Protein backbone atom coordinates (compact mmCIF):
# COMPACT_ATOMS: atom_id res chain seq x y z
CA MET A 1 -24.61 -1.88 -34.22
CA PRO A 2 -24.95 -0.19 -37.60
CA ARG A 3 -22.04 -0.59 -39.99
CA GLY A 4 -19.48 2.17 -39.79
CA GLU A 5 -20.20 3.28 -36.20
CA THR A 6 -17.29 3.36 -33.78
CA ARG A 7 -17.50 1.28 -30.60
CA ARG A 8 -16.98 3.38 -27.45
CA TRP A 9 -16.11 1.75 -24.05
CA PHE A 10 -16.77 3.48 -20.75
CA PRO A 11 -14.56 2.17 -17.94
CA VAL A 12 -16.30 0.95 -14.77
CA THR A 13 -14.91 -0.35 -11.55
CA ALA A 14 -15.99 -3.85 -10.65
CA VAL A 15 -16.01 -4.47 -6.90
CA ALA A 16 -17.14 -7.72 -5.38
CA VAL A 17 -18.46 -7.62 -1.84
CA THR A 18 -19.65 -10.35 0.43
CA LEU A 19 -22.80 -9.46 2.32
CA ALA A 20 -23.88 -11.87 5.01
CA ALA A 21 -27.52 -10.77 4.99
CA ALA A 22 -29.78 -13.80 5.21
CA GLY A 23 -26.73 -15.98 4.63
CA GLY A 24 -26.37 -14.83 1.00
CA ILE A 25 -23.60 -13.39 -1.14
CA ALA A 26 -24.11 -10.18 -3.11
CA TRP A 27 -21.93 -9.01 -5.98
CA PHE A 28 -21.86 -5.32 -6.78
CA THR A 29 -20.76 -3.64 -9.99
CA LEU A 30 -19.98 -0.05 -9.13
CA SER A 31 -19.98 3.02 -11.32
CA PRO A 32 -17.08 5.44 -11.01
CA GLN A 33 -19.15 7.29 -8.41
CA GLY A 34 -19.36 4.16 -6.22
CA THR A 35 -23.11 3.51 -6.76
CA PRO A 36 -24.14 -0.13 -7.31
CA SER A 37 -25.82 -0.82 -10.67
CA ALA A 38 -27.98 -3.51 -9.10
CA GLN A 39 -29.27 -3.87 -5.56
CA PRO A 40 -28.90 -7.22 -3.80
CA SER A 41 -32.00 -9.25 -3.29
CA GLY A 42 -33.19 -10.44 0.09
CA PRO A 43 -34.74 -8.97 3.19
CA PRO A 44 -33.83 -5.37 4.10
CA VAL A 45 -30.97 -4.88 6.50
CA ARG A 46 -30.85 -2.41 9.33
CA THR A 47 -28.61 0.61 9.73
CA VAL A 48 -26.47 1.89 12.57
CA LYS A 49 -24.65 5.14 13.15
CA VAL A 50 -20.91 5.53 13.16
CA GLN A 51 -20.02 6.17 16.81
CA ARG A 52 -17.09 7.84 18.49
CA THR A 53 -15.83 5.71 21.36
CA GLU A 54 -12.83 4.05 23.01
CA LEU A 55 -11.87 0.56 21.96
CA SER A 56 -9.62 -1.76 23.90
CA THR A 57 -8.52 -5.35 23.87
CA SER A 58 -7.65 -7.31 26.99
CA GLN A 59 -5.95 -10.49 28.11
CA ASN A 60 -6.72 -12.64 31.14
CA PHE A 61 -4.02 -14.04 33.40
CA PRO A 62 -4.62 -16.60 36.18
CA GLY A 63 -3.70 -15.35 39.64
CA THR A 64 -3.78 -16.34 43.30
CA LEU A 65 -5.43 -14.16 45.92
CA GLY A 66 -3.62 -13.98 49.24
CA PHE A 67 -1.60 -11.65 51.44
CA GLY A 68 1.65 -11.70 49.51
CA ALA A 69 4.79 -13.75 49.98
CA ASP A 70 5.43 -15.61 53.23
CA GLN A 71 8.25 -14.66 55.57
CA VAL A 72 9.56 -17.30 57.96
CA VAL A 73 9.87 -16.08 61.57
CA LYS A 74 12.61 -17.69 63.61
CA GLY A 75 13.16 -17.38 67.32
CA ALA A 76 16.51 -16.54 68.84
CA GLY A 77 18.14 -17.09 72.19
CA ALA A 78 17.67 -19.94 74.64
CA GLY A 79 14.38 -21.28 75.91
CA LEU A 80 11.23 -23.12 74.92
CA VAL A 81 8.15 -21.79 73.19
CA THR A 82 5.32 -21.49 75.72
CA ARG A 83 2.69 -19.59 73.76
CA LEU A 84 1.96 -19.06 70.06
CA PRO A 85 -0.42 -16.90 68.02
CA ALA A 86 -3.18 -18.25 65.80
CA GLY A 87 -3.34 -18.09 62.03
CA GLY A 88 -4.85 -14.80 60.92
CA ASP A 89 -3.64 -12.85 63.96
CA GLY A 90 -2.06 -9.49 63.23
CA THR A 91 1.06 -7.94 64.66
CA GLU A 92 1.21 -4.67 66.55
CA ARG A 93 4.22 -2.55 67.38
CA GLY A 94 5.35 -3.14 70.96
CA LYS A 95 2.94 -6.07 71.51
CA PRO A 96 4.06 -9.69 71.95
CA LEU A 97 3.69 -12.20 69.09
CA PHE A 98 4.80 -15.32 70.98
CA TRP A 99 6.20 -16.28 74.40
CA VAL A 100 9.48 -17.99 75.33
CA ASN A 101 9.95 -19.39 78.84
CA ASP A 102 6.67 -17.65 79.66
CA GLN A 103 8.16 -14.27 78.73
CA PRO A 104 6.52 -12.20 75.96
CA VAL A 105 8.51 -11.46 72.81
CA PRO A 106 7.22 -8.12 71.46
CA VAL A 107 7.39 -6.91 67.89
CA PHE A 108 9.35 -3.90 66.68
CA TYR A 109 9.37 -2.77 63.04
CA GLY A 110 12.58 -2.21 61.15
CA ALA A 111 15.10 -3.52 58.64
CA THR A 112 17.81 -4.87 60.98
CA PRO A 113 17.31 -7.71 63.48
CA LEU A 114 18.97 -7.58 66.88
CA PHE A 115 22.35 -9.30 66.62
CA ARG A 116 23.98 -8.23 69.92
CA LYS A 117 23.14 -7.09 73.41
CA LEU A 118 22.42 -3.36 73.57
CA GLU A 119 23.39 -1.55 76.74
CA VAL A 120 25.21 1.55 77.91
CA PRO A 121 28.88 0.56 78.27
CA VAL A 122 30.65 1.20 81.55
CA ALA A 123 33.58 2.73 79.69
CA GLY A 124 34.28 3.73 76.13
CA ASP A 125 32.07 4.99 73.36
CA PRO A 126 28.37 4.09 73.38
CA LEU A 127 27.08 1.52 70.90
CA SER A 128 25.91 2.79 67.53
CA GLY A 129 24.40 1.04 64.51
CA ASN A 130 21.29 0.15 62.57
CA ASP A 131 20.08 -2.19 65.31
CA VAL A 132 20.18 0.75 67.73
CA THR A 133 18.23 2.79 65.17
CA VAL A 134 15.47 0.16 65.26
CA ILE A 135 15.15 0.57 69.03
CA ALA A 136 15.20 4.37 68.83
CA ASP A 137 12.66 4.58 65.99
CA ASN A 138 10.18 2.23 67.67
CA LEU A 139 10.39 3.84 71.09
CA ARG A 140 9.85 7.23 69.46
CA ALA A 141 6.86 5.82 67.56
CA LEU A 142 5.46 4.47 70.84
CA GLY A 143 5.60 7.96 72.34
CA TYR A 144 8.78 7.83 74.43
CA SER A 145 11.37 10.59 74.59
CA ILE A 146 14.74 9.17 73.54
CA GLY A 147 16.86 12.29 73.96
CA ILE A 148 19.15 13.83 71.36
CA GLN A 149 20.20 11.60 68.49
CA PRO A 150 22.31 12.20 65.36
CA LYS A 151 20.33 14.02 62.67
CA THR A 152 19.89 13.02 59.08
CA SER A 153 22.42 14.60 56.76
CA ALA A 154 20.97 17.50 54.80
CA ARG A 155 22.85 16.54 51.64
CA PRO A 156 20.70 14.90 48.94
CA GLY A 157 21.27 11.20 48.49
CA GLU A 158 22.83 10.64 51.92
CA SER A 159 21.12 8.45 54.49
CA ALA A 160 20.58 9.14 58.17
CA LYS A 161 23.35 8.46 60.63
CA PRO A 162 22.83 5.41 62.86
CA ALA A 163 21.36 5.99 66.30
CA VAL A 164 23.48 5.83 69.44
CA PHE A 165 22.53 3.81 72.53
CA THR A 166 22.70 6.69 74.96
CA ALA A 167 21.69 6.83 78.61
CA ALA A 168 18.50 8.68 77.56
CA LEU A 169 17.64 5.91 75.10
CA SER A 170 18.26 3.29 77.77
CA THR A 171 15.91 5.16 80.14
CA ALA A 172 13.19 5.27 77.50
CA LEU A 173 13.65 1.54 76.90
CA LYS A 174 13.33 0.84 80.63
CA LYS A 175 10.06 2.79 80.83
CA TRP A 176 8.62 0.87 77.90
CA GLN A 177 9.76 -2.49 79.32
CA GLN A 178 8.05 -1.74 82.61
CA LYS A 179 4.78 -0.87 80.87
CA ALA A 180 5.03 -3.94 78.60
CA GLY A 181 5.44 -6.34 81.53
CA LEU A 182 9.06 -7.09 80.76
CA PRO A 183 12.05 -6.96 83.13
CA ALA A 184 12.85 -3.23 83.27
CA THR A 185 16.59 -3.47 82.67
CA GLY A 186 17.10 -0.72 80.13
CA THR A 187 18.98 -3.26 78.00
CA VAL A 188 17.86 -5.65 75.29
CA ASP A 189 19.44 -8.93 74.18
CA ILE A 190 19.13 -11.26 71.22
CA GLY A 191 15.79 -13.05 71.21
CA GLN A 192 14.01 -10.58 73.50
CA LEU A 193 12.51 -8.62 70.59
CA LEU A 194 11.28 -9.72 67.18
CA VAL A 195 12.01 -7.28 64.34
CA LEU A 196 9.67 -7.43 61.33
CA PRO A 197 9.70 -5.23 58.21
CA GLY A 198 6.25 -3.81 59.02
CA PRO A 199 2.72 -4.68 60.12
CA SER A 200 2.14 -8.34 59.35
CA ARG A 201 -0.42 -11.11 59.50
CA VAL A 202 0.23 -14.63 60.80
CA GLY A 203 -0.27 -16.96 57.88
CA MET A 204 0.82 -20.30 59.31
CA VAL A 205 2.13 -21.52 62.67
CA THR A 206 4.77 -24.21 62.18
CA ALA A 207 6.07 -24.66 65.74
CA GLN A 208 4.42 -26.41 68.67
CA LEU A 209 4.44 -25.55 72.33
CA GLY A 210 7.61 -26.83 73.95
CA ASP A 211 9.71 -26.51 70.78
CA PRO A 212 13.09 -24.79 71.09
CA ALA A 213 12.79 -21.07 70.45
CA THR A 214 15.77 -21.07 68.09
CA GLY A 215 14.05 -22.64 65.07
CA PRO A 216 11.32 -21.58 62.61
CA LEU A 217 8.18 -20.74 64.55
CA LEU A 218 5.67 -19.34 62.08
CA LYS A 219 5.15 -17.56 58.77
CA VAL A 220 3.87 -14.03 58.36
CA THR A 221 2.65 -12.08 55.36
CA GLY A 222 1.63 -8.52 54.63
CA THR A 223 -1.71 -7.24 55.85
CA THR A 224 -3.07 -6.10 52.48
CA LYS A 225 -4.76 -8.61 50.23
CA ALA A 226 -3.16 -8.88 46.84
CA VAL A 227 -3.15 -11.13 43.82
CA SER A 228 0.07 -12.74 42.62
CA VAL A 229 0.23 -13.36 38.88
CA GLU A 230 2.98 -15.24 37.09
CA ILE A 231 3.45 -14.12 33.50
CA ALA A 232 5.89 -15.20 30.84
CA ALA A 233 8.91 -12.95 30.70
CA THR A 234 8.19 -12.44 26.99
CA GLU A 235 4.87 -10.78 27.93
CA ALA A 236 6.36 -8.36 30.45
CA ASP A 237 5.68 -5.43 28.13
CA LYS A 238 1.94 -5.97 28.67
CA VAL A 239 2.07 -5.07 32.36
CA LYS A 240 3.14 -1.73 33.78
CA GLN A 241 3.32 -0.69 37.42
CA GLY A 242 0.41 1.62 38.21
CA ALA A 243 -1.75 0.34 35.35
CA GLU A 244 -5.43 -0.26 36.10
CA VAL A 245 -6.67 -3.84 35.79
CA VAL A 246 -9.68 -5.89 36.87
CA ILE A 247 -9.74 -8.86 39.27
CA GLN A 248 -12.45 -11.40 38.50
CA ARG A 249 -13.51 -13.27 41.64
CA PRO A 250 -14.50 -16.96 41.60
CA ASP A 251 -18.16 -15.82 41.63
CA THR A 252 -17.39 -13.75 38.45
CA LYS A 253 -17.80 -10.42 40.25
CA GLU A 254 -15.28 -7.86 39.04
CA VAL A 255 -13.07 -5.78 41.32
CA PRO A 256 -11.10 -2.74 40.04
CA ALA A 257 -7.43 -3.05 40.88
CA VAL A 258 -3.96 -1.67 40.17
CA ILE A 259 -0.66 -3.33 39.31
CA SER A 260 1.32 -2.43 42.43
CA GLN A 261 4.54 -4.23 41.62
CA VAL A 262 6.21 -5.89 38.65
CA GLY A 263 8.91 -8.32 39.67
CA THR A 264 12.41 -7.92 38.29
CA VAL A 265 13.65 -11.42 39.10
CA VAL A 266 13.08 -13.93 36.31
CA GLN A 267 12.38 -17.44 37.57
CA GLY A 268 12.69 -20.58 35.48
CA GLY A 269 14.13 -20.75 32.02
CA ALA A 270 16.84 -23.22 33.02
CA GLU A 271 16.67 -26.94 32.54
CA SER A 272 14.94 -28.56 35.50
CA GLY A 273 14.38 -32.30 35.75
CA GLY A 274 15.31 -32.75 32.11
CA GLN A 275 12.85 -30.08 30.95
CA ASN A 276 13.19 -26.41 30.15
CA THR A 277 10.79 -24.27 32.14
CA GLN A 278 9.42 -21.03 30.74
CA PRO A 279 11.01 -17.95 32.35
CA LYS A 280 8.41 -16.02 34.33
CA LEU A 281 7.97 -12.83 36.33
CA THR A 282 5.71 -12.30 39.35
CA VAL A 283 3.28 -9.40 39.17
CA THR A 284 1.42 -8.14 42.26
CA VAL A 285 -2.08 -6.72 41.82
CA THR A 286 -3.79 -4.77 44.63
CA PRO A 287 -7.55 -4.10 44.76
CA LYS A 288 -8.61 -0.47 44.93
CA ASP A 289 -11.21 -1.37 47.57
CA PRO A 290 -9.93 -4.14 49.87
CA ALA A 291 -13.44 -4.58 51.25
CA ALA A 292 -14.46 -6.05 47.89
CA LEU A 293 -12.37 -9.11 48.77
CA SER A 294 -12.97 -9.14 52.52
CA ASP A 295 -14.86 -12.45 52.38
CA LEU A 296 -11.93 -14.27 50.74
CA ASP A 297 -8.58 -15.10 52.32
CA ALA A 298 -7.29 -17.24 49.46
CA ALA A 299 -8.72 -18.03 46.04
CA SER A 300 -7.88 -18.60 42.40
CA VAL A 301 -8.86 -15.54 40.36
CA GLN A 302 -8.43 -14.03 36.91
CA VAL A 303 -6.76 -10.70 36.24
CA ARG A 304 -7.82 -8.83 33.11
CA VAL A 305 -5.12 -6.59 31.65
CA VAL A 306 -5.76 -4.10 28.87
CA ALA A 307 -3.50 -5.13 25.98
CA GLU A 308 -4.24 -2.22 23.63
CA ALA A 309 -6.47 0.84 23.89
CA ARG A 310 -7.56 3.33 21.24
CA PRO A 311 -9.43 6.36 22.63
CA ASN A 312 -11.62 8.73 20.63
CA VAL A 313 -11.97 6.64 17.45
CA LEU A 314 -14.83 6.08 15.00
CA ALA A 315 -16.29 2.59 15.14
CA VAL A 316 -19.08 0.44 13.70
CA PRO A 317 -20.23 -3.13 14.35
CA VAL A 318 -18.08 -5.72 12.60
CA GLY A 319 -21.19 -6.72 10.61
CA ALA A 320 -21.11 -3.35 8.83
CA LEU A 321 -17.85 -4.19 7.03
CA LEU A 322 -17.95 -5.37 3.43
CA ALA A 323 -14.88 -7.26 2.22
CA LEU A 324 -13.66 -6.15 -1.20
CA ARG A 325 -12.39 -8.76 -3.66
CA GLU A 326 -9.26 -6.80 -4.50
CA GLY A 327 -8.56 -6.29 -0.80
CA GLY A 328 -9.64 -3.94 1.93
CA TYR A 329 -13.07 -3.07 3.27
CA ALA A 330 -15.98 -0.72 2.68
CA VAL A 331 -19.19 0.31 4.40
CA GLN A 332 -22.50 0.77 2.61
CA LEU A 333 -24.62 3.89 3.01
CA PRO A 334 -28.44 3.54 3.14
CA GLY A 335 -28.71 4.70 -0.48
CA GLY A 336 -26.43 1.92 -1.69
CA GLU A 337 -23.17 3.87 -2.05
CA LEU A 338 -20.05 2.08 -0.84
CA LYS A 339 -17.40 3.98 1.11
CA PRO A 340 -13.92 2.43 1.28
CA VAL A 341 -12.55 2.44 4.83
CA GLN A 342 -9.38 1.60 6.64
CA THR A 343 -9.78 -0.65 9.68
CA GLY A 344 -7.97 -0.37 12.98
CA LEU A 345 -8.55 -2.16 16.26
CA PHE A 346 -11.19 -4.92 16.52
CA ALA A 347 -12.72 -5.12 20.00
CA LYS A 348 -16.05 -5.91 21.68
CA GLU A 349 -17.75 -6.74 18.33
CA LEU A 350 -16.79 -3.28 17.08
CA VAL A 351 -14.13 -2.21 14.63
CA GLU A 352 -12.29 1.08 14.30
CA ILE A 353 -12.75 2.67 10.85
CA SER A 354 -11.49 5.76 9.08
CA GLY A 355 -11.51 7.14 5.58
CA PRO A 356 -12.70 10.01 3.36
CA GLY A 357 -16.30 10.95 4.06
CA ILE A 358 -16.59 8.82 7.24
CA THR A 359 -18.01 10.96 10.02
CA GLU A 360 -19.52 10.51 13.47
CA GLY A 361 -23.29 9.90 13.37
CA GLN A 362 -23.26 8.75 9.74
CA ALA A 363 -25.73 5.91 9.02
CA VAL A 364 -24.33 2.71 7.51
CA VAL A 365 -25.88 -0.64 6.71
CA THR A 366 -25.14 -3.53 9.05
CA VAL A 367 -26.13 -7.16 9.17
CA SER A 368 -25.51 -7.70 12.89
């Protein structure tokens, strides 16, 4: 430089980026406008367009396909078991499930088992209670006229009044007993009816012919196939009742499903056998189309739960990101200009991006 001239410095921004093209590393020196002063050597890379899409991440949980929790069925009253159902048999309202002393024991649905003999008393007030309600509800469901019964209270939050074992109800019971092949007495005693919560499926028969009818006889489950998943209580926020999930069968086929129930009872967490067990919750998952699992009665499956979802975001392949030395990321336009971006969710080899000048359909350089 000639003597006497003043040196003038023009500030530039130096940005180092790592470009994985052909396994090499490229260093860019950018002008204030963001244009590289030298282009990296190597084979040309391809471009992709910024797309608007939905990104989501998921987590798999192991589950067991079955028909839900077992319920032990016990007989009541005196006698010996003379006939039993087979595993897989279903129950039907008013139809027998097993036989005691060669007499059928039909099924009624309800919440209260029979705990006393129901009959019209010779004197005094007629019997009333939830067990009577079970008889009245089932006979009505089977098409029998049971006469006038107390009505449900019209006030919000109040439950129905218990049914009363009236002469009309006893007559309806006698008609049903006659049709069902039972002694038509118009009365019913402990052990003559089996009350279940609802339609059920025989899962396992534990009794044998000739066993006393007073012990455990069999186990029943629900009739709808479901998947039971045990998750750590600390991950309970990842599952919500009604959320859509995917069941992956043992043959890897995927079945759309819904979380039908999230348990509220935490199991484990206390010291057991000298070890602390992780507290867990049971989650029930129901397939949207039960026919998709019709060929399986029991199996180990995987349940895929969406952990995070971001709808309507701009995204590019992860290979389009350039890591800046001073931190953060950029994308490169086909002409060489670098555009700083902010990253969001990474999912399915894509990454959410945003920033000034980033628009849908914009072409950017990518190496993958």
